[in-house]
Amino acid sequence: MSDSLLDANLQHVPDPYLSGSWRVVDRTLSRADPTTALAQATYLHLQEGYLRLDTSTGQTAGHWSIERDALLSRPYLLLQLAHESVRALVTRLRHSADGHYRALVLYFQSGLELFLVQP
């Protein structure tokens, strides 16, 4: 499937395009704390400002929003969870030609990188 994915121009992607249920298919921890909910996430559900993070041991709720930098209009995903607020750069967004499959890569300031897919 990855050979047939198209890269989205992140400067022009509308914020609601990031909504939906994203399944974590891979992660790179680098120097990130492996015990955080984000590092253990299995699903990230983004619905109209509401966030639900699923892990193998439970769920965490919070809020999310998009912020863009002034110079390049790069999208940053802002996540507000019960015990932390984090910011992740959207480094890549790909989609199938029919739009039914999407892949998203998020890079957090902690060094955590999440690779997510829909469906």
PDB file of N, CA and C in Angstrom:
ATOM      1  N   MET A   1       0.820  -1.189   0.000  1.00  0.00           N
ATOM      2  CA  MET A   1       0.000   0.000   0.000  1.00  0.00           C
ATOM      3  C   MET A   1       0.863   1.252   0.000  1.00  0.00           C
ATOM      4  N   SER A   2       2.010   1.257   0.689  1.00  0.00           N
ATOM      5  CA  SER A   2       2.799   2.477   0.817  1.00  0.00           C
ATOM      6  C   SER A   2       3.316   2.984  -0.523  1.00  0.00           C
ATOM      7  N   ASP A   3       3.476   2.090  -1.536  1.00  0.00           N
ATOM      8  CA  ASP A   3       3.945   2.534  -2.844  1.00  0.00           C
ATOM      9  C   ASP A   3       2.912   3.392  -3.548  1.00  0.00           C
ATOM     10  N   SER A   4       1.646   3.241  -3.198  1.00  0.00           N
ATOM     11  CA  SER A   4       0.596   3.975  -3.888  1.00  0.00           C
ATOM     12  C   SER A   4       0.113   5.190  -3.095  1.00  0.00           C
ATOM     13  N   LEU A   5       0.837   5.592  -2.067  1.00  0.00           N
ATOM     14  CA  LEU A   5       0.428   6.741  -1.273  1.00  0.00           C
ATOM     15  C   LEU A   5       0.986   8.038  -1.846  1.00  0.00           C
ATOM     16  N   LEU A   6       0.179   9.081  -1.745  1.00  0.00           N
ATOM     17  CA  LEU A   6       0.556  10.398  -2.230  1.00  0.00           C
ATOM     18  C   LEU A   6       0.855  11.304  -1.040  1.00  0.00           C
ATOM     19  N   ASP A   7       1.875  12.135  -1.155  1.00  0.00           N
ATOM     20  CA  ASP A   7       2.201  13.086  -0.093  1.00  0.00           C
ATOM     21  C   ASP A   7       1.268  14.277  -0.159  1.00  0.00           C
ATOM     22  N   ALA A   8       0.756  14.682   0.993  1.00  0.00           N
ATOM     23  CA  ALA A   8      -0.077  15.881   1.087  1.00  0.00           C
ATOM     24  C   ALA A   8       0.831  17.082   1.352  1.00  0.00           C
ATOM     25  N   ASN A   9       0.496  18.214   0.775  1.00  0.00           N
ATOM     26  CA  ASN A   9       1.219  19.451   1.043  1.00  0.00           C
ATOM     27  C   ASN A   9       0.754  19.964   2.400  1.00  0.00           C
ATOM     28  N   LEU A  10       1.610  19.858   3.398  1.00  0.00           N
ATOM     29  CA  LEU A  10       1.233  20.183   4.779  1.00  0.00           C
ATOM     30  C   LEU A  10       0.891  21.656   4.966  1.00  0.00           C
ATOM     31  N   GLN A  11       1.395  22.518   4.107  1.00  0.00           N
ATOM     32  CA  GLN A  11       1.091  23.946   4.216  1.00  0.00           C
ATOM     33  C   GLN A  11      -0.351  24.250   3.844  1.00  0.00           C
ATOM     34  N   HIS A  12      -0.976  23.340   3.091  1.00  0.00           N
ATOM     35  CA  HIS A  12      -2.327  23.601   2.592  1.00  0.00           C
ATOM     36  C   HIS A  12      -3.374  22.618   3.095  1.00  0.00           C
ATOM     37  N   VAL A  13      -2.982  21.697   3.946  1.00  0.00           N
ATOM     38  CA  VAL A  13      -3.934  20.720   4.479  1.00  0.00           C
ATOM     39  C   VAL A  13      -4.850  21.403   5.484  1.00  0.00           C
ATOM     40  N   PRO A  14      -6.166  21.305   5.298  1.00  0.00           N
ATOM     41  CA  PRO A  14      -7.071  21.899   6.293  1.00  0.00           C
ATOM     42  C   PRO A  14      -6.987  21.130   7.615  1.00  0.00           C
ATOM     43  N   ASP A  15      -7.092  21.849   8.727  1.00  0.00           N
ATOM     44  CA  ASP A  15      -6.959  21.236  10.050  1.00  0.00           C
ATOM     45  C   ASP A  15      -7.891  20.040  10.266  1.00  0.00           C
ATOM     46  N   PRO A  16      -9.164  20.106   9.844  1.00  0.00           N
ATOM     47  CA  PRO A  16     -10.060  18.952  10.079  1.00  0.00           C
ATOM     48  C   PRO A  16      -9.608  17.663   9.383  1.00  0.00           C
ATOM     49  N   TYR A  17      -8.720  17.762   8.408  1.00  0.00           N
ATOM     50  CA  TYR A  17      -8.234  16.574   7.707  1.00  0.00           C
ATOM     51  C   TYR A  17      -7.451  15.649   8.650  1.00  0.00           C
ATOM     52  N   LEU A  18      -6.981  16.184   9.778  1.00  0.00           N
ATOM     53  CA  LEU A  18      -6.253  15.363  10.748  1.00  0.00           C
ATOM     54  C   LEU A  18      -7.192  14.654  11.727  1.00  0.00           C
ATOM     55  N   SER A  19      -8.462  14.974  11.681  1.00  0.00           N
ATOM     56  CA  SER A  19      -9.447  14.344  12.574  1.00  0.00           C
ATOM     57  C   SER A  19      -9.608  12.869  12.238  1.00  0.00           C
ATOM     58  N   GLY A  20     -10.127  12.140  13.223  1.00  0.00           N
ATOM     59  CA  GLY A  20     -10.420  10.725  13.026  1.00  0.00           C
ATOM     60  C   GLY A  20      -9.675   9.853  14.008  1.00  0.00           C
ATOM     61  N   SER A  21      -9.809   8.565  13.823  1.00  0.00           N
ATOM     62  CA  SER A  21      -9.133   7.579  14.671  1.00  0.00           C
ATOM     63  C   SER A  21      -7.877   7.100  13.965  1.00  0.00           C
ATOM     64  N   TRP A  22      -6.755   7.324  14.598  1.00  0.00           N
ATOM     65  CA  TRP A  22      -5.453   6.951  14.051  1.00  0.00           C
ATOM     66  C   TRP A  22      -4.867   5.799  14.866  1.00  0.00           C
ATOM     67  N   ARG A  23      -4.476   4.743  14.179  1.00  0.00           N
ATOM     68  CA  ARG A  23      -3.852   3.589  14.828  1.00  0.00           C
ATOM     69  C   ARG A  23      -2.334   3.750  14.793  1.00  0.00           C
ATOM     70  N   VAL A  24      -1.691   3.558  15.934  1.00  0.00           N
ATOM     71  CA  VAL A  24      -0.227   3.648  16.008  1.00  0.00           C
ATOM     72  C   VAL A  24       0.347   2.335  15.480  1.00  0.00           C
ATOM     73  N   VAL A  25       1.128   2.424  14.400  1.00  0.00           N
ATOM     74  CA  VAL A  25       1.718   1.225  13.814  1.00  0.00           C
ATOM     75  C   VAL A  25       3.203   1.092  14.139  1.00  0.00           C
ATOM     76  N   ASP A  26       3.819   2.192  14.544  1.00  0.00           N
ATOM     77  CA  ASP A  26       5.231   2.140  14.917  1.00  0.00           C
ATOM     78  C   ASP A  26       5.566   3.392  15.724  1.00  0.00           C
ATOM     79  N   ARG A  27       6.675   3.344  16.414  1.00  0.00           N
ATOM     80  CA  ARG A  27       7.126   4.491  17.203  1.00  0.00           C
ATOM     81  C   ARG A  27       8.637   4.421  17.342  1.00  0.00           C
ATOM     82  N   THR A  28       9.242   5.576  17.485  1.00  0.00           N
ATOM     83  CA  THR A  28      10.654   5.698  17.814  1.00  0.00           C
ATOM     84  C   THR A  28      10.727   6.514  19.086  1.00  0.00           C
ATOM     85  N   LEU A  29      11.313   5.946  20.126  1.00  0.00           N
ATOM     86  CA  LEU A  29      11.339   6.620  21.419  1.00  0.00           C
ATOM     87  C   LEU A  29      12.485   7.611  21.552  1.00  0.00           C
ATOM     88  N   SER A  30      13.626   7.340  20.923  1.00  0.00           N
ATOM     89  CA  SER A  30      14.796   8.197  21.045  1.00  0.00           C
ATOM     90  C   SER A  30      15.064   8.455  22.522  1.00  0.00           C
ATOM     91  N   ARG A  31      14.936   9.690  22.970  1.00  0.00           N
ATOM     92  CA  ARG A  31      15.193  10.011  24.383  1.00  0.00           C
ATOM     93  C   ARG A  31      13.899  10.187  25.167  1.00  0.00           C
ATOM     94  N   ALA A  32      12.761   9.869  24.574  1.00  0.00           N
ATOM     95  CA  ALA A  32      11.459  10.045  25.221  1.00  0.00           C
ATOM     96  C   ALA A  32      11.256   9.031  26.345  1.00  0.00           C
ATOM     97  N   ASP A  33      10.501   9.434  27.346  1.00  0.00           N
ATOM     98  CA  ASP A  33      10.161   8.572  28.474  1.00  0.00           C
ATOM     99  C   ASP A  33       9.192   7.482  27.990  1.00  0.00           C
ATOM    100  N   PRO A  34       9.569   6.213  28.066  1.00  0.00           N
ATOM    101  CA  PRO A  34       8.716   5.135  27.559  1.00  0.00           C
ATOM    102  C   PRO A  34       7.488   4.858  28.420  1.00  0.00           C
ATOM    103  N   THR A  35       7.378   5.499  29.589  1.00  0.00           N
ATOM    104  CA  THR A  35       6.246   5.234  30.478  1.00  0.00           C
ATOM    105  C   THR A  35       5.074   6.201  30.269  1.00  0.00           C
ATOM    106  N   THR A  36       5.233   7.219  29.425  1.00  0.00           N
ATOM    107  CA  THR A  36       4.140   8.171  29.216  1.00  0.00           C
ATOM    108  C   THR A  36       3.021   7.540  28.386  1.00  0.00           C
ATOM    109  N   ALA A  37       1.834   8.099  28.529  1.00  0.00           N
ATOM    110  CA  ALA A  37       0.684   7.604  27.765  1.00  0.00           C
ATOM    111  C   ALA A  37       0.936   7.725  26.266  1.00  0.00           C
ATOM    112  N   LEU A  38       1.553   8.804  25.824  1.00  0.00           N
ATOM    113  CA  LEU A  38       1.834   8.962  24.393  1.00  0.00           C
ATOM    114  C   LEU A  38       2.808   7.904  23.886  1.00  0.00           C
ATOM    115  N   ALA A  39       3.813   7.594  24.666  1.00  0.00           N
ATOM    116  CA  ALA A  39       4.794   6.585  24.257  1.00  0.00           C
ATOM    117  C   ALA A  39       4.176   5.191  24.203  1.00  0.00           C
ATOM    118  N   GLN A  40       3.102   4.960  24.951  1.00  0.00           N
ATOM    119  CA  GLN A  40       2.441   3.654  24.988  1.00  0.00           C
ATOM    120  C   GLN A  40       1.149   3.618  24.173  1.00  0.00           C
ATOM    121  N   ALA A  41       0.865   4.680  23.446  1.00  0.00           N
ATOM    122  CA  ALA A  41      -0.397   4.782  22.717  1.00  0.00           C
ATOM    123  C   ALA A  41      -0.559   3.690  21.669  1.00  0.00           C
ATOM    124  N   THR A  42      -1.791   3.194  21.565  1.00  0.00           N
ATOM    125  CA  THR A  42      -2.148   2.260  20.498  1.00  0.00           C
ATOM    126  C   THR A  42      -3.086   2.925  19.488  1.00  0.00           C
ATOM    127  N   TYR A  43      -3.891   3.872  19.956  1.00  0.00           N
ATOM    128  CA  TYR A  43      -4.793   4.655  19.105  1.00  0.00           C
ATOM    129  C   TYR A  43      -4.806   6.101  19.582  1.00  0.00           C
ATOM    130  N   LEU A  44      -4.981   7.005  18.632  1.00  0.00           N
ATOM    131  CA  LEU A  44      -5.148   8.421  18.905  1.00  0.00           C
ATOM    132  C   LEU A  44      -6.426   8.848  18.193  1.00  0.00           C
ATOM    133  N   HIS A  45      -7.440   9.219  18.959  1.00  0.00           N
ATOM    134  CA  HIS A  45      -8.740   9.610  18.400  1.00  0.00           C
ATOM    135  C   HIS A  45      -8.866  11.128  18.489  1.00  0.00           C
ATOM    136  N   LEU A  46      -8.956  11.789  17.349  1.00  0.00           N
ATOM    137  CA  LEU A  46      -9.051  13.243  17.283  1.00  0.00           C
ATOM    138  C   LEU A  46     -10.405  13.624  16.696  1.00  0.00           C
ATOM    139  N   GLN A  47     -11.275  14.180  17.526  1.00  0.00           N
ATOM    140  CA  GLN A  47     -12.620  14.564  17.093  1.00  0.00           C
ATOM    141  C   GLN A  47     -12.931  15.985  17.543  1.00  0.00           C
ATOM    142  N   GLU A  48     -13.068  16.927  16.638  1.00  0.00           N
ATOM    143  CA  GLU A  48     -13.500  18.305  16.898  1.00  0.00           C
ATOM    144  C   GLU A  48     -12.999  18.874  18.233  1.00  0.00           C
ATOM    145  N   GLY A  49     -11.703  18.894  18.420  1.00  0.00           N
ATOM    146  CA  GLY A  49     -11.120  19.455  19.623  1.00  0.00           C
ATOM    147  C   GLY A  49     -10.973  18.477  20.775  1.00  0.00           C
ATOM    148  N   TYR A  50     -11.679  17.358  20.721  1.00  0.00           N
ATOM    149  CA  TYR A  50     -11.628  16.344  21.776  1.00  0.00           C
ATOM    150  C   TYR A  50     -10.612  15.273  21.390  1.00  0.00           C
ATOM    151  N   LEU A  51      -9.843  14.825  22.360  1.00  0.00           N
ATOM    152  CA  LEU A  51      -8.807  13.815  22.155  1.00  0.00           C
ATOM    153  C   LEU A  51      -9.041  12.641  23.083  1.00  0.00           C
ATOM    154  N   ARG A  52      -8.924  11.437  22.550  1.00  0.00           N
ATOM    155  CA  ARG A  52      -8.877  10.239  23.389  1.00  0.00           C
ATOM    156  C   ARG A  52      -7.669   9.433  22.950  1.00  0.00           C
ATOM    157  N   LEU A  53      -6.864   9.088  23.924  1.00  0.00           N
ATOM    158  CA  LEU A  53      -5.649   8.325  23.692  1.00  0.00           C
ATOM    159  C   LEU A  53      -5.842   6.945  24.303  1.00  0.00           C
ATOM    160  N   ASP A  54      -5.753   5.901  23.492  1.00  0.00           N
ATOM    161  CA  ASP A  54      -5.876   4.528  23.974  1.00  0.00           C
ATOM    162  C   ASP A  54      -4.492   3.916  24.150  1.00  0.00           C
ATOM    163  N   THR A  55      -4.307   3.207  25.273  1.00  0.00           N
ATOM    164  CA  THR A  55      -3.093   2.427  25.511  1.00  0.00           C
ATOM    165  C   THR A  55      -3.530   1.003  25.850  1.00  0.00           C
ATOM    166  N   SER A  56      -2.587   0.120  26.012  1.00  0.00           N
ATOM    167  CA  SER A  56      -2.937  -1.262  26.357  1.00  0.00           C
ATOM    168  C   SER A  56      -3.515  -1.359  27.765  1.00  0.00           C
ATOM    169  N   THR A  57      -3.321  -0.326  28.586  1.00  0.00           N
ATOM    170  CA  THR A  57      -3.806  -0.371  29.973  1.00  0.00           C
ATOM    171  C   THR A  57      -4.979   0.559  30.250  1.00  0.00           C
ATOM    172  N   GLY A  58      -5.417   1.355  29.277  1.00  0.00           N
ATOM    173  CA  GLY A  58      -6.549   2.247  29.521  1.00  0.00           C
ATOM    174  C   GLY A  58      -6.653   3.376  28.517  1.00  0.00           C
ATOM    175  N   GLN A  59      -7.396   4.400  28.913  1.00  0.00           N
ATOM    176  CA  GLN A  59      -7.638   5.541  28.045  1.00  0.00           C
ATOM    177  C   GLN A  59      -7.345   6.833  28.794  1.00  0.00           C
ATOM    178  N   THR A  60      -6.950   7.841  28.038  1.00  0.00           N
ATOM    179  CA  THR A  60      -6.727   9.179  28.565  1.00  0.00           C
ATOM    180  C   THR A  60      -7.460  10.150  27.659  1.00  0.00           C
ATOM    181  N   ALA A  61      -8.173  11.100  28.271  1.00  0.00           N
ATOM    182  CA  ALA A  61      -8.923  12.085  27.487  1.00  0.00           C
ATOM    183  C   ALA A  61      -8.247  13.443  27.591  1.00  0.00           C
ATOM    184  N   GLY A  62      -8.529  14.274  26.617  1.00  0.00           N
ATOM    185  CA  GLY A  62      -7.976  15.621  26.616  1.00  0.00           C
ATOM    186  C   GLY A  62      -8.515  16.413  25.449  1.00  0.00           C
ATOM    187  N   HIS A  63      -7.741  17.397  25.035  1.00  0.00           N
ATOM    188  CA  HIS A  63      -8.127  18.272  23.934  1.00  0.00           C
ATOM    189  C   HIS A  63      -6.970  18.394  22.960  1.00  0.00           C
ATOM    190  N   TRP A  64      -7.293  18.750  21.720  1.00  0.00           N
ATOM    191  CA  TRP A  64      -6.252  18.956  20.719  1.00  0.00           C
ATOM    192  C   TRP A  64      -6.607  20.156  19.856  1.00  0.00           C
ATOM    193  N   SER A  65      -5.576  20.716  19.248  1.00  0.00           N
ATOM    194  CA  SER A  65      -5.749  21.806  18.301  1.00  0.00           C
ATOM    195  C   SER A  65      -4.544  21.826  17.374  1.00  0.00           C
ATOM    196  N   ILE A  66      -4.651  22.606  16.323  1.00  0.00           N
ATOM    197  CA  ILE A  66      -3.562  22.767  15.371  1.00  0.00           C
ATOM    198  C   ILE A  66      -3.043  24.189  15.484  1.00  0.00           C
ATOM    199  N   GLU A  67      -1.738  24.310  15.460  1.00  0.00           N
ATOM    200  CA  GLU A  67      -1.072  25.611  15.431  1.00  0.00           C
ATOM    201  C   GLU A  67      -0.114  25.571  14.257  1.00  0.00           C
ATOM    202  N   ARG A  68      -0.004  26.669  13.546  1.00  0.00           N
ATOM    203  CA  ARG A  68       0.917  26.726  12.400  1.00  0.00           C
ATOM    204  C   ARG A  68       1.979  27.785  12.662  1.00  0.00           C
ATOM    205  N   ASP A  69       3.218  27.470  12.260  1.00  0.00           N
ATOM    206  CA  ASP A  69       4.258  28.484  12.436  1.00  0.00           C
ATOM    207  C   ASP A  69       4.076  29.584  11.391  1.00  0.00           C
ATOM    208  N   ALA A  70       4.500  30.784  11.748  1.00  0.00           N
ATOM    209  CA  ALA A  70       4.259  31.957  10.911  1.00  0.00           C
ATOM    210  C   ALA A  70       5.097  31.947   9.623  1.00  0.00           C
ATOM    211  N   LEU A  71       6.278  31.381   9.676  1.00  0.00           N
ATOM    212  CA  LEU A  71       7.178  31.445   8.533  1.00  0.00           C
ATOM    213  C   LEU A  71       6.808  30.475   7.413  1.00  0.00           C
ATOM    214  N   LEU A  72       6.638  29.201   7.746  1.00  0.00           N
ATOM    215  CA  LEU A  72       6.394  28.181   6.723  1.00  0.00           C
ATOM    216  C   LEU A  72       5.008  27.567   6.770  1.00  0.00           C
ATOM    217  N   SER A  73       4.206  27.955   7.732  1.00  0.00           N
ATOM    218  CA  SER A  73       2.849  27.429   7.910  1.00  0.00           C
ATOM    219  C   SER A  73       2.839  25.916   8.152  1.00  0.00           C
ATOM    220  N   ARG A  74       3.900  25.428   8.805  1.00  0.00           N
ATOM    221  CA  ARG A  74       3.955  24.003   9.148  1.00  0.00           C
ATOM    222  C   ARG A  74       2.969  23.726  10.272  1.00  0.00           C
ATOM    223  N   PRO A  75       2.215  22.618  10.184  1.00  0.00           N
ATOM    224  CA  PRO A  75       1.246  22.315  11.244  1.00  0.00           C
ATOM    225  C   PRO A  75       1.885  21.610  12.442  1.00  0.00           C
ATOM    226  N   TYR A  76       1.503  22.089  13.624  1.00  0.00           N
ATOM    227  CA  TYR A  76       1.877  21.460  14.883  1.00  0.00           C
ATOM    228  C   TYR A  76       0.595  21.000  15.556  1.00  0.00           C
ATOM    229  N   LEU A  77       0.594  19.788  16.041  1.00  0.00           N
ATOM    230  CA  LEU A  77      -0.533  19.234  16.774  1.00  0.00           C
ATOM    231  C   LEU A  77      -0.294  19.491  18.255  1.00  0.00           C
ATOM    232  N   LEU A  78      -1.196  20.243  18.890  1.00  0.00           N
ATOM    233  CA  LEU A  78      -1.094  20.532  20.314  1.00  0.00           C
ATOM    234  C   LEU A  78      -2.038  19.608  21.060  1.00  0.00           C
ATOM    235  N   LEU A  79      -1.493  18.812  21.973  1.00  0.00           N
ATOM    236  CA  LEU A  79      -2.283  17.852  22.743  1.00  0.00           C
ATOM    237  C   LEU A  79      -2.265  18.254  24.206  1.00  0.00           C
ATOM    238  N   GLN A  80      -3.446  18.388  24.792  1.00  0.00           N
ATOM    239  CA  GLN A  80      -3.561  18.703  26.212  1.00  0.00           C
ATOM    240  C   GLN A  80      -4.187  17.499  26.898  1.00  0.00           C
ATOM    241  N   LEU A  81      -3.348  16.778  27.614  1.00  0.00           N
ATOM    242  CA  LEU A  81      -3.791  15.604  28.368  1.00  0.00           C
ATOM    243  C   LEU A  81      -3.896  15.982  29.836  1.00  0.00           C
ATOM    244  N   ALA A  82      -4.399  15.081  30.650  1.00  0.00           N
ATOM    245  CA  ALA A  82      -4.615  15.372  32.072  1.00  0.00           C
ATOM    246  C   ALA A  82      -3.342  15.826  32.775  1.00  0.00           C
ATOM    247  N   HIS A  83      -2.206  15.207  32.478  1.00  0.00           N
ATOM    248  CA  HIS A  83      -0.979  15.490  33.219  1.00  0.00           C
ATOM    249  C   HIS A  83       0.105  16.135  32.381  1.00  0.00           C
ATOM    250  N   GLU A  84      -0.186  16.446  31.127  1.00  0.00           N
ATOM    251  CA  GLU A  84       0.842  17.056  30.287  1.00  0.00           C
ATOM    252  C   GLU A  84       0.238  17.740  29.066  1.00  0.00           C
ATOM    253  N   SER A  85       0.945  18.731  28.596  1.00  0.00           N
ATOM    254  CA  SER A  85       0.627  19.383  27.334  1.00  0.00           C
ATOM    255  C   SER A  85       1.842  19.205  26.436  1.00  0.00           C
ATOM    256  N   VAL A  86       1.621  18.719  25.238  1.00  0.00           N
ATOM    257  CA  VAL A  86       2.736  18.446  24.334  1.00  0.00           C
ATOM    258  C   VAL A  86       2.439  19.012  22.960  1.00  0.00           C
ATOM    259  N   ARG A  87       3.494  19.200  22.212  1.00  0.00           N
ATOM    260  CA  ARG A  87       3.407  19.752  20.863  1.00  0.00           C
ATOM    261  C   ARG A  87       4.161  18.822  19.931  1.00  0.00           C
ATOM    262  N   ALA A  88       3.523  18.476  18.806  1.00  0.00           N
ATOM    263  CA  ALA A  88       4.148  17.587  17.837  1.00  0.00           C
ATOM    264  C   ALA A  88       4.110  18.220  16.452  1.00  0.00           C
ATOM    265  N   LEU A  89       5.224  18.189  15.774  1.00  0.00           N
ATOM    266  CA  LEU A  89       5.280  18.636  14.393  1.00  0.00           C
ATOM    267  C   LEU A  89       4.722  17.533  13.501  1.00  0.00           C
ATOM    268  N   VAL A  90       3.806  17.893  12.618  1.00  0.00           N
ATOM    269  CA  VAL A  90       3.317  16.945  11.617  1.00  0.00           C
ATOM    270  C   VAL A  90       4.380  16.921  10.529  1.00  0.00           C
ATOM    271  N   THR A  91       5.162  15.833  10.472  1.00  0.00           N
ATOM    272  CA  THR A  91       6.276  15.785   9.533  1.00  0.00           C
ATOM    273  C   THR A  91       5.901  15.176   8.199  1.00  0.00           C
ATOM    274  N   ARG A  92       4.846  14.357   8.178  1.00  0.00           N
ATOM    275  CA  ARG A  92       4.436  13.748   6.910  1.00  0.00           C
ATOM    276  C   ARG A  92       2.988  13.310   6.997  1.00  0.00           C
ATOM    277  N   LEU A  93       2.269  13.545   5.929  1.00  0.00           N
ATOM    278  CA  LEU A  93       0.893  13.097   5.796  1.00  0.00           C
ATOM    279  C   LEU A  93       0.742  12.556   4.386  1.00  0.00           C
ATOM    280  N   ARG A  94       0.366  11.291   4.290  1.00  0.00           N
ATOM    281  CA  ARG A  94       0.203  10.642   2.990  1.00  0.00           C
ATOM    282  C   ARG A  94      -1.197  10.066   2.919  1.00  0.00           C
ATOM    283  N   HIS A  95      -1.687   9.871   1.701  1.00  0.00           N
ATOM    284  CA  HIS A  95      -3.029   9.318   1.515  1.00  0.00           C
ATOM    285  C   HIS A  95      -3.083   8.522   0.220  1.00  0.00           C
ATOM    286  N   SER A  96      -4.008   7.584   0.192  1.00  0.00           N
ATOM    287  CA  SER A  96      -4.228   6.822  -1.035  1.00  0.00           C
ATOM    288  C   SER A  96      -4.989   7.710  -2.024  1.00  0.00           C
ATOM    289  N   ALA A  97      -4.964   7.341  -3.284  1.00  0.00           N
ATOM    290  CA  ALA A  97      -5.636   8.132  -4.323  1.00  0.00           C
ATOM    291  C   ALA A  97      -7.130   8.241  -4.062  1.00  0.00           C
ATOM    292  N   ASP A  98      -7.732   7.192  -3.491  1.00  0.00           N
ATOM    293  CA  ASP A  98      -9.179   7.234  -3.227  1.00  0.00           C
ATOM    294  C   ASP A  98      -9.505   7.862  -1.869  1.00  0.00           C
ATOM    295  N   GLY A  99      -8.476   8.198  -1.060  1.00  0.00           N
ATOM    296  CA  GLY A  99      -8.690   8.865   0.218  1.00  0.00           C
ATOM    297  C   GLY A  99      -9.098   7.957   1.358  1.00  0.00           C
ATOM    298  N   HIS A 100      -9.187   6.652   1.119  1.00  0.00           N
ATOM    299  CA  HIS A 100      -9.633   5.734   2.173  1.00  0.00           C
ATOM    300  C   HIS A 100      -8.520   5.327   3.137  1.00  0.00           C
ATOM    301  N   TYR A 101      -7.289   5.547   2.774  1.00  0.00           N
ATOM    302  CA  TYR A 101      -6.157   5.173   3.618  1.00  0.00           C
ATOM    303  C   TYR A 101      -5.268   6.397   3.792  1.00  0.00           C
ATOM    304  N   ARG A 102      -4.872   6.673   5.040  1.00  0.00           N
ATOM    305  CA  ARG A 102      -3.982   7.796   5.306  1.00  0.00           C
ATOM    306  C   ARG A 102      -2.895   7.370   6.290  1.00  0.00           C
ATOM    307  N   ALA A 103      -1.746   7.982   6.165  1.00  0.00           N
ATOM    308  CA  ALA A 103      -0.617   7.734   7.071  1.00  0.00           C
ATOM    309  C   ALA A 103      -0.091   9.081   7.557  1.00  0.00           C
ATOM    310  N   LEU A 104       0.214   9.147   8.836  1.00  0.00           N
ATOM    311  CA  LEU A 104       0.615  10.389   9.479  1.00  0.00           C
ATOM    312  C   LEU A 104       1.842  10.134  10.347  1.00  0.00           C
ATOM    313  N   VAL A 105       2.797  11.051  10.315  1.00  0.00           N
ATOM    314  CA  VAL A 105       3.982  10.954  11.167  1.00  0.00           C
ATOM    315  C   VAL A 105       4.037  12.209  12.034  1.00  0.00           C
ATOM    316  N   LEU A 106       4.136  11.993  13.348  1.00  0.00           N
ATOM    317  CA  LEU A 106       4.223  13.083  14.318  1.00  0.00           C
ATOM    318  C   LEU A 106       5.566  13.010  15.033  1.00  0.00           C
ATOM    319  N   TYR A 107       6.239  14.155  15.144  1.00  0.00           N
ATOM    320  CA  TYR A 107       7.510  14.221  15.871  1.00  0.00           C
ATOM    321  C   TYR A 107       7.346  15.162  17.056  1.00  0.00           C
ATOM    322  N   PHE A 108       7.548  14.640  18.253  1.00  0.00           N
ATOM    323  CA  PHE A 108       7.380  15.393  19.488  1.00  0.00           C
ATOM    324  C   PHE A 108       8.719  15.952  19.957  1.00  0.00           C
ATOM    325  N   GLN A 109       8.667  17.057  20.703  1.00  0.00           N
ATOM    326  CA  GLN A 109       9.879  17.692  21.217  1.00  0.00           C
ATOM    327  C   GLN A 109      10.682  16.761  22.112  1.00  0.00           C
ATOM    328  N   SER A 110      10.040  15.769  22.709  1.00  0.00           N
ATOM    329  CA  SER A 110      10.721  14.809  23.577  1.00  0.00           C
ATOM    330  C   SER A 110      11.590  13.825  22.805  1.00  0.00           C
ATOM    331  N   GLY A 111      11.447  13.800  21.478  1.00  0.00           N
ATOM    332  CA  GLY A 111      12.164  12.825  20.660  1.00  0.00           C
ATOM    333  C   GLY A 111      11.288  11.664  20.239  1.00  0.00           C
ATOM    334  N   LEU A 112      10.076  11.590  20.784  1.00  0.00           N
ATOM    335  CA  LEU A 112       9.128  10.545  20.404  1.00  0.00           C
ATOM    336  C   LEU A 112       8.621  10.812  18.986  1.00  0.00           C
ATOM    337  N   GLU A 113       8.589   9.770  18.187  1.00  0.00           N
ATOM    338  CA  GLU A 113       8.025   9.855  16.842  1.00  0.00           C
ATOM    339  C   GLU A 113       6.972   8.767  16.711  1.00  0.00           C
ATOM    340  N   LEU A 114       5.758   9.158  16.321  1.00  0.00           N
ATOM    341  CA  LEU A 114       4.666   8.209  16.149  1.00  0.00           C
ATOM    342  C   LEU A 114       4.316   8.096  14.678  1.00  0.00           C
ATOM    343  N   PHE A 115       4.111   6.857  14.234  1.00  0.00           N
ATOM    344  CA  PHE A 115       3.687   6.563  12.877  1.00  0.00           C
ATOM    345  C   PHE A 115       2.266   6.023  12.963  1.00  0.00           C
ATOM    346  N   LEU A 116       1.322   6.745  12.377  1.00  0.00           N
ATOM    347  CA  LEU A 116      -0.102   6.456  12.517  1.00  0.00           C
ATOM    348  C   LEU A 116      -0.747   6.197  11.166  1.00  0.00           C
ATOM    349  N   VAL A 117      -1.815   5.365  11.165  1.00  0.00           N
ATOM    350  CA  VAL A 117      -2.540   5.098   9.935  1.00  0.00           C
ATOM    351  C   VAL A 117      -4.053   5.135  10.205  1.00  0.00           C
ATOM    352  N   GLN A 118      -4.790   5.389   9.130  1.00  0.00           N
ATOM    353  CA  GLN A 118      -6.255   5.251   9.122  1.00  0.00           C
ATOM    354  C   GLN A 118      -6.600   4.415   7.924  1.00  0.00           C
ATOM    355  N   PRO A 119      -7.487   3.531   7.872  1.00  0.00           N
ATOM    356  CA  PRO A 119      -8.200   3.002   9.022  1.00  0.00           C
ATOM    357  C   PRO A 119      -7.374   2.040   9.813  1.00  0.00           C
TER     358      PRO A 119
END
